[in-house]
Each structure stands twice: as structure tokens, then as C-alpha cells.
Amino acid sequence: MIMEIQLVSSMYQGLYISIAFALFALLCATGNIIQAILAAFTIGLVIINVMAFVAYNKWQLGSAECVSIVVCVGFAVDYVVHLASHYVHSEFEDRENRMRDSLREMGISILSGAITTILATVTLFICVLMLFSKFAIFVIMTTLFSVAYSLGFFSALCLAIGPTGT
């Protein structure tokens, strides 16, 4: 019982640290604190959905699951950081044109990256060890949630309250 509590505690600590580093990376990439916070919030929602998927499947939180959840923060950052950076560095000043430009320029790259990540991860299902199969499910779910949230939620968030001007 104590070991499980320590695992969950370590997982949360790892999540806080990795999301803090992601926020720092987003701040460096965008140079805009508002955009970095919006992107970090989106990443947090992706991780919450992945954790809800774990709970829905009634998986026990072992060491593999705890490590996988923390590692998935890195996968969740990938797509939203490209949109956030392109949004901030867009030549347009208003939200609608910035988001349209970002989706036009980065949307296909995001979808292509997600497809190749999923196709590469599918090969892990060949492995005999359950650890690799579960990690594959984590990566695929994180990728799917990340694409949906970055192209859907984050885009809508930027249209509603994203930074404008220079």
C-alpha cells in the first residue's frame, strides 16, 4: 500500500515538473506568457484525458503507467507548441487571420506527424511484454487527444482570447 501511494505521489511530482518545463519551453518558443499559459492549459487537459482513459480501463497504476503518463507530457507538447509558436510569429495582427494562417501552415504537418507517430507506435503491439503494449496505447491516446485538443480546443481558445498585435 505504501509503495502504491509513493508511486502515485512520484507520478504527480513528475507531472508538475514536466508541465513546468513544458511551460518554460513554450515561453521560450512563443515569447508570449499568455500564449504559453493557454498552451500549457491545453497540455494539462490532454494529460487529464489520458489519465481518465487509464481509469476508464481500470488499469492499476504501477510503475510503467506512472512513467508513461509523465513521458506523455512530451508527446502532448509537440503539436500545440507548433501552433502556438506560429500563431505568435504570424504576420497578421488579428486573431482570426493568425489562427487561419497557423492552421494553414502547420495543420498538415501536425496531422502528418500524428499519423507517423501512431504508425510507428503500432509496431509495439507485436511485443510480447505487456509493458510495451500499454506504452503503445499511452502514446497513441496521447497523440489522438493532443491532435484533437491542439487543432480543436487550442485553436478555438486562440480565436476567443489569444494575444493580438505585436
Foldseek 3Di string as FASTA:
>chain_A
DVVLVVLVVVLVVLQVVLLVVLLVVLCVLQVDNVLSVLLSVLLVVLLVVLVVVCVVVVPRDDNLNSVLSSVLSVVLSPLQSQLSNQLNVPPAFAQVVSLVVSCVVCVVVLVVVLVVQLVVLVVLVVDPDVSSVVSSVSNNSSSVSSSCCNNPVSSVVSNVDNHGDD
